[in-house]
Amino acid sequence: MHHGEFEDPRLVEIYDAEFVWGYDDDLFMALLAERNAPRVLDFGCGTGRLAIAMAEAGHEVTGVDPARASLDAARRKPGADRVTWIEGSIEVLPQRTFDAVLLTSHVAQFFVSDEQWLSALRALRRCLVPGGRLIFDSRDPDDRRWERWNPVDSRRTVILPGRGEIETWTEVNAEVDGVVSFTRHYVLTDRDEATSTATLRFRSESEIRTTVEAAGFDVDRIYGGWAKEPVGTGEDGELIVLAVARAQGR
């Protein structure tokens, strides 16, 4: 199934159990708190972990995601009633509504073509007030993280409360010029297995700066890891971007 970990309720449950609160969430919350941002958009909010936390911190949060199963899981969580949940993508975004937009968990990489990515960035620019901030993460292609996506290095066990252990691993199908297609495998029971396929785009720091600025933002800073390391240092292999929406006409 394409993007099954977001669209198949069985795999959404596994995703939620595997990806719990971490250093990335701590940094996103800290970056958001640097400036006043009453109204926040969590674009590609998934199962709502960060959106609910931002709402509990006092922000007026809207979570947007195209995957209904993920949103269903988000709506069932404690505190979910504090968030406005919307099913869709860039086509549902209002204009000049938000003070900050976050794309976390490498959502930015799902916009594979340059046209898709620029279209998304421009839509996000339109939904921000002038001076509003765009905060997102993307994996650094120089880290070549996909080389570790194989049945040995990527294999892990996920514990589902009351359901036991789930074995899962990732396998790359193709990699061409930073576009990586892969399959995630799940062993649900002795007789039941599932797969999820996806394609991601790994953009360099230079590509990110060029496209973000072309969409109407000024890049404030880019970190290379969750402890705010410079790009290319440390072990995280991340590009964590903060940009500011320019006033119209600039």
Protein backbone atom coordinates (compact mmCIF):
# COMPACT_ATOMS: atom_id res chain seq x y z
CA MET A 1 0.00 0.00 0.00
CA HIS A 2 1.27 3.48 -0.91
CA HIS A 3 1.98 5.48 2.30
CA GLY A 4 0.24 2.71 4.24
CA GLU A 5 1.66 3.84 7.59
CA PHE A 6 -0.59 6.90 7.29
CA GLU A 7 -3.61 5.40 5.54
CA ASP A 8 -3.98 1.83 6.85
CA PRO A 9 -5.41 1.91 10.42
CA ARG A 10 -3.31 -1.14 11.39
CA LEU A 11 -0.09 0.55 10.31
CA VAL A 12 -1.12 3.91 11.74
CA GLU A 13 -1.31 2.22 15.15
CA ILE A 14 2.20 0.84 14.70
CA TYR A 15 3.50 4.24 13.55
CA ASP A 16 2.05 5.85 16.68
CA ALA A 17 3.66 3.26 18.94
CA GLU A 18 7.05 3.53 17.23
CA PHE A 19 7.39 7.29 16.89
CA VAL A 20 6.87 8.77 20.33
CA TRP A 21 7.95 12.14 21.69
CA GLY A 22 11.63 12.83 21.04
CA TYR A 23 14.43 15.36 20.66
CA ASP A 24 12.89 16.62 17.43
CA ASP A 25 9.64 17.54 19.17
CA ASP A 26 11.56 19.32 21.94
CA LEU A 27 13.41 21.43 19.39
CA PHE A 28 10.29 22.28 17.39
CA MET A 29 8.55 23.44 20.57
CA ALA A 30 11.60 25.52 21.53
CA LEU A 31 11.85 27.14 18.09
CA LEU A 32 8.14 27.94 18.11
CA ALA A 33 8.50 29.57 21.53
CA GLU A 34 11.25 31.95 20.34
CA ARG A 35 8.63 34.41 19.06
CA ASN A 36 4.97 35.08 19.73
CA ALA A 37 2.88 32.80 17.50
CA PRO A 38 -0.74 32.61 18.65
CA ARG A 39 -1.99 30.82 15.52
CA VAL A 40 -0.07 27.77 14.30
CA LEU A 41 -0.53 25.41 11.37
CA ASP A 42 0.81 21.86 11.67
CA PHE A 43 0.92 20.89 8.00
CA GLY A 44 1.11 17.14 7.54
CA CYS A 45 0.17 16.70 11.19
CA GLY A 46 -0.16 12.91 11.02
CA THR A 47 -1.50 11.43 14.23
CA GLY A 48 -1.28 14.74 16.04
CA ARG A 49 1.43 14.27 18.64
CA LEU A 50 3.00 17.70 18.15
CA ALA A 51 -0.23 19.52 17.26
CA ILE A 52 -1.84 18.54 20.56
CA ALA A 53 1.29 19.54 22.51
CA MET A 54 1.33 22.95 20.84
CA ALA A 55 -2.34 23.45 21.67
CA GLU A 56 -1.70 22.46 25.29
CA ALA A 57 1.06 25.10 25.36
CA GLY A 58 -1.52 27.75 24.53
CA HIS A 59 -1.38 28.05 20.75
CA GLU A 60 -4.45 28.05 18.52
CA VAL A 61 -3.52 25.06 16.36
CA THR A 62 -4.86 23.77 13.06
CA GLY A 63 -3.71 20.33 11.95
CA VAL A 64 -3.94 19.52 8.22
CA ASP A 65 -3.27 16.10 6.72
CA PRO A 66 -4.51 14.24 3.62
CA ALA A 67 -4.62 10.84 5.37
CA ARG A 68 -7.97 10.18 7.03
CA ALA A 69 -6.76 7.23 9.11
CA SER A 70 -4.04 9.38 10.65
CA LEU A 71 -6.51 12.15 11.46
CA ASP A 72 -8.91 9.61 12.97
CA ALA A 73 -6.11 8.48 15.30
CA ALA A 74 -5.30 12.10 16.15
CA ARG A 75 -8.90 12.90 17.01
CA ARG A 76 -9.04 10.01 19.50
CA LYS A 77 -6.13 11.30 21.60
CA PRO A 78 -6.51 13.17 24.88
CA GLY A 79 -6.44 16.92 24.21
CA ALA A 80 -7.46 16.52 20.56
CA ASP A 81 -10.51 18.73 21.09
CA ARG A 82 -8.16 21.72 21.42
CA VAL A 83 -7.02 21.35 17.81
CA THR A 84 -8.90 22.09 14.59
CA TRP A 85 -8.38 19.07 12.32
CA ILE A 86 -8.76 19.40 8.55
CA GLU A 87 -8.44 16.64 5.96
CA GLY A 88 -6.63 17.82 2.84
CA SER A 89 -3.43 19.43 1.61
CA ILE A 90 -2.43 22.82 0.21
CA GLU A 91 -5.84 23.27 -1.43
CA VAL A 92 -7.56 23.70 1.98
CA LEU A 93 -5.24 26.36 3.38
CA PRO A 94 -6.73 29.80 4.12
CA GLN A 95 -4.78 32.96 3.33
CA ARG A 96 -2.97 35.16 5.87
CA THR A 97 -4.24 33.19 8.83
CA PHE A 98 -1.21 31.80 10.70
CA ASP A 99 1.77 33.19 12.58
CA ALA A 100 3.80 30.01 12.17
CA VAL A 101 3.71 26.89 10.02
CA LEU A 102 5.47 23.65 10.94
CA LEU A 103 6.22 20.65 8.72
CA THR A 104 7.76 17.95 10.87
CA SER A 105 8.74 14.28 10.55
CA HIS A 106 10.27 15.06 7.13
CA VAL A 107 6.90 15.89 5.55
CA ALA A 108 8.76 18.27 3.22
CA GLN A 109 10.41 15.31 1.50
CA PHE A 110 7.10 13.90 0.27
CA PHE A 111 6.92 16.78 -2.26
CA VAL A 112 9.15 15.04 -4.76
CA SER A 113 9.17 17.24 -7.86
CA ASP A 114 10.38 20.84 -7.87
CA GLU A 115 6.93 21.91 -9.07
CA GLN A 116 5.18 20.16 -6.15
CA TRP A 117 7.60 21.60 -3.63
CA LEU A 118 7.43 25.18 -4.91
CA SER A 119 3.65 24.99 -5.11
CA ALA A 120 3.50 23.84 -1.50
CA LEU A 121 5.92 26.53 -0.33
CA ARG A 122 3.96 29.27 -2.09
CA ALA A 123 0.70 28.04 -0.57
CA LEU A 124 2.30 28.06 2.87
CA ARG A 125 3.61 31.56 2.24
CA ARG A 126 0.09 32.73 1.38
CA CYS A 127 -1.38 31.26 4.55
CA LEU A 128 1.14 33.10 6.76
CA VAL A 129 0.94 36.70 7.88
CA PRO A 130 3.93 38.84 6.83
CA GLY A 131 6.75 38.02 9.20
CA GLY A 132 5.24 34.62 9.97
CA ARG A 133 7.66 31.75 10.33
CA LEU A 134 8.10 28.50 8.40
CA ILE A 135 9.80 25.73 10.39
CA PHE A 136 10.54 22.32 8.88
CA ASP A 137 12.98 19.43 8.74
CA SER A 138 14.47 17.46 5.86
CA ARG A 139 17.20 14.84 5.79
CA ASP A 140 20.59 15.99 4.53
CA PRO A 141 21.46 14.01 1.36
CA ASP A 142 25.15 14.16 2.31
CA ASP A 143 24.31 11.86 5.23
CA ARG A 144 23.03 9.23 2.73
CA ARG A 145 20.56 7.89 5.29
CA TRP A 146 18.91 5.64 2.71
CA GLU A 147 22.00 3.43 2.66
CA ARG A 148 20.95 2.21 6.13
CA TRP A 149 17.47 1.28 4.90
CA ASN A 150 18.04 -2.43 4.48
CA PRO A 151 16.66 -5.58 6.18
CA VAL A 152 19.61 -5.72 8.61
CA ASP A 153 20.31 -2.14 9.67
CA SER A 154 16.69 -0.95 9.67
CA ARG A 155 15.07 -3.95 11.36
CA ARG A 156 13.34 -3.12 14.63
CA THR A 157 10.71 -4.42 17.01
CA VAL A 158 7.69 -2.29 17.90
CA ILE A 159 5.68 -3.11 21.02
CA LEU A 160 1.93 -2.64 20.71
CA PRO A 161 0.23 -2.52 24.14
CA GLY A 162 -1.93 -5.60 24.50
CA ARG A 163 -0.97 -6.83 21.04
CA GLY A 164 2.61 -7.99 21.39
CA GLU A 165 5.64 -7.42 19.15
CA ILE A 166 5.67 -6.26 15.52
CA GLU A 167 8.76 -6.79 13.37
CA THR A 168 9.43 -4.12 10.75
CA TRP A 169 12.20 -3.08 8.38
CA THR A 170 12.77 -0.87 5.35
CA GLU A 171 14.17 -1.73 1.93
CA VAL A 172 15.20 0.74 -0.79
CA ASN A 173 13.78 0.01 -4.24
CA ALA A 174 15.54 2.77 -6.20
CA GLU A 175 17.67 5.88 -5.70
CA VAL A 176 18.26 8.40 -8.48
CA ASP A 177 19.63 11.90 -7.90
CA GLY A 178 18.32 12.14 -4.35
CA VAL A 179 14.90 10.65 -5.10
CA VAL A 180 14.54 7.48 -3.04
CA SER A 181 11.72 4.94 -3.36
CA PHE A 182 11.39 2.36 -0.62
CA THR A 183 9.16 -0.27 0.94
CA ARG A 184 8.44 -0.68 4.64
CA HIS A 185 7.71 -4.27 5.69
CA TYR A 186 5.60 -5.30 8.69
CA VAL A 187 5.18 -8.77 10.18
CA LEU A 188 1.87 -8.41 12.01
CA THR A 189 1.34 -12.08 12.95
CA ASP A 190 2.65 -15.47 11.84
CA ARG A 191 0.20 -15.38 8.93
CA ASP A 192 -0.25 -11.68 8.32
CA GLU A 193 2.22 -9.27 6.75
CA ALA A 194 1.83 -5.79 5.27
CA THR A 195 3.90 -3.36 3.25
CA SER A 196 3.92 0.37 2.67
CA THR A 197 5.68 2.08 -0.23
CA ALA A 198 6.77 5.70 -0.55
CA THR A 199 9.10 8.04 -2.42
CA LEU A 200 11.08 10.85 -0.83
CA ARG A 201 13.20 13.69 -2.20
CA PHE A 202 16.47 14.48 -0.41
CA ARG A 203 17.27 18.16 -1.11
CA SER A 204 20.61 19.73 -0.33
CA GLU A 205 20.99 22.80 1.86
CA SER A 206 21.57 24.86 -1.28
CA GLU A 207 18.43 23.51 -2.96
CA ILE A 208 16.36 24.22 0.12
CA ARG A 209 17.65 27.78 0.44
CA THR A 210 16.99 28.50 -3.25
CA THR A 211 13.45 27.12 -3.30
CA VAL A 212 12.39 28.59 0.04
CA GLU A 213 13.61 32.03 -0.98
CA ALA A 214 11.97 31.74 -4.42
CA ALA A 215 8.64 31.11 -2.67
CA GLY A 216 8.74 34.40 -0.76
CA PHE A 217 10.70 33.61 2.40
CA ASP A 218 13.97 34.79 3.89
CA VAL A 219 15.96 31.92 5.39
CA ASP A 220 16.82 32.80 8.97
CA ARG A 221 18.96 29.76 9.83
CA ILE A 222 19.48 26.08 9.12
CA TYR A 223 20.67 23.60 11.72
CA GLY A 224 22.28 20.23 11.07
CA GLY A 225 20.92 18.41 14.11
CA TRP A 226 18.48 18.43 17.02
CA ALA A 227 21.05 20.09 19.32
CA LYS A 228 21.34 23.01 16.83
CA GLU A 229 24.62 21.75 15.38
CA PRO A 230 25.97 23.36 12.19
CA VAL A 231 25.01 21.62 8.96
CA GLY A 232 27.25 18.66 8.19
CA THR A 233 28.36 18.07 11.78
CA GLY A 234 27.05 15.65 14.35
CA GLU A 235 25.22 12.39 13.75
CA ASP A 236 21.63 13.44 13.05
CA GLY A 237 22.05 14.19 9.34
CA GLU A 238 19.24 16.73 9.40
CA LEU A 239 18.47 20.08 7.80
CA ILE A 240 16.23 22.00 10.21
CA VAL A 241 15.04 25.17 8.54
CA LEU A 242 13.67 28.43 9.93
CA ALA A 243 12.43 30.99 7.40
CA VAL A 244 10.41 34.20 7.62
CA ALA A 245 7.64 35.21 5.23
CA ARG A 246 8.52 38.39 3.36
CA ALA A 247 5.98 41.15 3.04
CA GLN A 248 4.10 41.08 -0.27
CA GLY A 249 5.91 42.93 -3.03
CA ARG A 250 9.40 42.36 -1.64
